[in-house]
Amino acid sequence: MAFGHGLNDEAEALRVEIRHTLPYGKEWLATPHQLLGGVTPEERITAGDLDAVNNLFHSILYVGVM
């Protein structure tokens, strides 16, 4: 149970980071992305695949696509 709580904390921290970093972070979370298999980042976060969303998000920051 503590693990699930920690995962929820990590998921929320990732959402907050995205919303505060990207100009349209809230919309980005709700937009399907080809590199996430055509699903939204929010769907991947909800499914527990934080690494895929985090990697894509930081790749976007790295290349400066905002």
C-alpha atoms as a PDB file:
ATOM      1  CA  MET A   1       0.000   0.000   0.000  1.00  0.00           C
ATOM      2  CA  ALA A   2       2.847   2.371   0.731  1.00  0.00           C
ATOM      3  CA  PHE A   3       4.201   1.626  -2.736  1.00  0.00           C
ATOM      4  CA  GLY A   4       0.935   2.676  -4.374  1.00  0.00           C
ATOM      5  CA  HIS A   5       0.907   5.858  -2.313  1.00  0.00           C
ATOM      6  CA  GLY A   6       4.469   6.612  -3.404  1.00  0.00           C
ATOM      7  CA  LEU A   7       3.540   6.007  -7.023  1.00  0.00           C
ATOM      8  CA  ASN A   8       0.629   8.418  -6.673  1.00  0.00           C
ATOM      9  CA  ASP A   9       2.977  11.010  -5.178  1.00  0.00           C
ATOM     10  CA  GLU A  10       5.422  10.516  -8.052  1.00  0.00           C
ATOM     11  CA  ALA A  11       2.632  10.764 -10.614  1.00  0.00           C
ATOM     12  CA  GLU A  12       1.306  13.981  -9.108  1.00  0.00           C
ATOM     13  CA  ALA A  13       4.805  15.448  -8.867  1.00  0.00           C
ATOM     14  CA  LEU A  14       5.324  14.704 -12.584  1.00  0.00           C
ATOM     15  CA  ARG A  15       1.980  16.314 -13.482  1.00  0.00           C
ATOM     16  CA  VAL A  16       2.839  19.417 -11.460  1.00  0.00           C
ATOM     17  CA  GLU A  17       6.299  19.674 -13.034  1.00  0.00           C
ATOM     18  CA  ILE A  18       4.818  19.419 -16.534  1.00  0.00           C
ATOM     19  CA  ARG A  19       2.039  21.946 -15.830  1.00  0.00           C
ATOM     20  CA  HIS A  20       4.502  24.453 -14.375  1.00  0.00           C
ATOM     21  CA  THR A  21       7.255  23.988 -16.969  1.00  0.00           C
ATOM     22  CA  LEU A  22       5.489  23.759 -20.314  1.00  0.00           C
ATOM     23  CA  PRO A  23       3.530  26.828 -21.451  1.00  0.00           C
ATOM     24  CA  TYR A  24       0.492  24.629 -22.181  1.00  0.00           C
ATOM     25  CA  GLY A  25       1.320  21.782 -19.828  1.00  0.00           C
ATOM     26  CA  LYS A  26      -2.265  20.972 -18.902  1.00  0.00           C
ATOM     27  CA  GLU A  27      -3.205  20.662 -22.573  1.00  0.00           C
ATOM     28  CA  TRP A  28      -0.042  18.678 -23.333  1.00  0.00           C
ATOM     29  CA  LEU A  29      -1.051  16.093 -20.719  1.00  0.00           C
ATOM     30  CA  ALA A  30      -4.390  15.636 -22.512  1.00  0.00           C
ATOM     31  CA  THR A  31      -3.021  15.451 -26.077  1.00  0.00           C
ATOM     32  CA  PRO A  32      -2.284  12.047 -27.669  1.00  0.00           C
ATOM     33  CA  HIS A  33       1.363  11.672 -28.634  1.00  0.00           C
ATOM     34  CA  GLN A  34       2.836   9.427 -31.301  1.00  0.00           C
ATOM     35  CA  LEU A  35       5.877   8.587 -29.151  1.00  0.00           C
ATOM     36  CA  LEU A  36       3.550   7.341 -26.402  1.00  0.00           C
ATOM     37  CA  GLY A  37       1.758   4.939 -28.723  1.00  0.00           C
ATOM     38  CA  GLY A  38      -0.959   7.423 -29.657  1.00  0.00           C
ATOM     39  CA  VAL A  39      -2.266   7.826 -26.118  1.00  0.00           C
ATOM     40  CA  THR A  40      -2.134  10.892 -23.915  1.00  0.00           C
ATOM     41  CA  PRO A  41       0.603  11.453 -21.364  1.00  0.00           C
ATOM     42  CA  GLU A  42      -2.130  11.467 -18.706  1.00  0.00           C
ATOM     43  CA  GLU A  43      -3.269   7.992 -19.774  1.00  0.00           C
ATOM     44  CA  ARG A  44       0.298   6.709 -19.534  1.00  0.00           C
ATOM     45  CA  ILE A  45       0.724   8.302 -16.101  1.00  0.00           C
ATOM     46  CA  THR A  46      -2.543   6.753 -14.919  1.00  0.00           C
ATOM     47  CA  ALA A  47      -1.357   3.368 -16.218  1.00  0.00           C
ATOM     48  CA  GLY A  48       1.788   3.742 -14.113  1.00  0.00           C
ATOM     49  CA  ASP A  49       4.196   4.308 -17.003  1.00  0.00           C
ATOM     50  CA  LEU A  50       5.802   7.401 -15.503  1.00  0.00           C
ATOM     51  CA  ASP A  51       9.173   6.699 -17.102  1.00  0.00           C
ATOM     52  CA  ALA A  52       7.841   7.005 -20.659  1.00  0.00           C
ATOM     53  CA  VAL A  53       6.150  10.335 -19.936  1.00  0.00           C
ATOM     54  CA  ASN A  54       9.096  11.650 -17.936  1.00  0.00           C
ATOM     55  CA  ASN A  55      11.547  10.692 -20.688  1.00  0.00           C
ATOM     56  CA  LEU A  56       9.452  12.344 -23.390  1.00  0.00           C
ATOM     57  CA  PHE A  57       8.912  15.469 -21.275  1.00  0.00           C
ATOM     58  CA  HIS A  58      12.623  15.870 -20.552  1.00  0.00           C
ATOM     59  CA  SER A  59      13.482  15.203 -24.201  1.00  0.00           C
ATOM     60  CA  ILE A  60      11.184  18.060 -25.165  1.00  0.00           C
ATOM     61  CA  LEU A  61      12.907  20.321 -22.659  1.00  0.00           C
ATOM     62  CA  TYR A  62      16.337  19.209 -23.869  1.00  0.00           C
ATOM     63  CA  VAL A  63      15.692  20.060 -27.508  1.00  0.00           C
ATOM     64  CA  GLY A  64      13.752  23.202 -26.611  1.00  0.00           C
ATOM     65  CA  VAL A  65      10.478  22.349 -28.314  1.00  0.00           C
ATOM     66  CA  MET A  66       7.993  24.437 -26.404  1.00  0.00           C
END
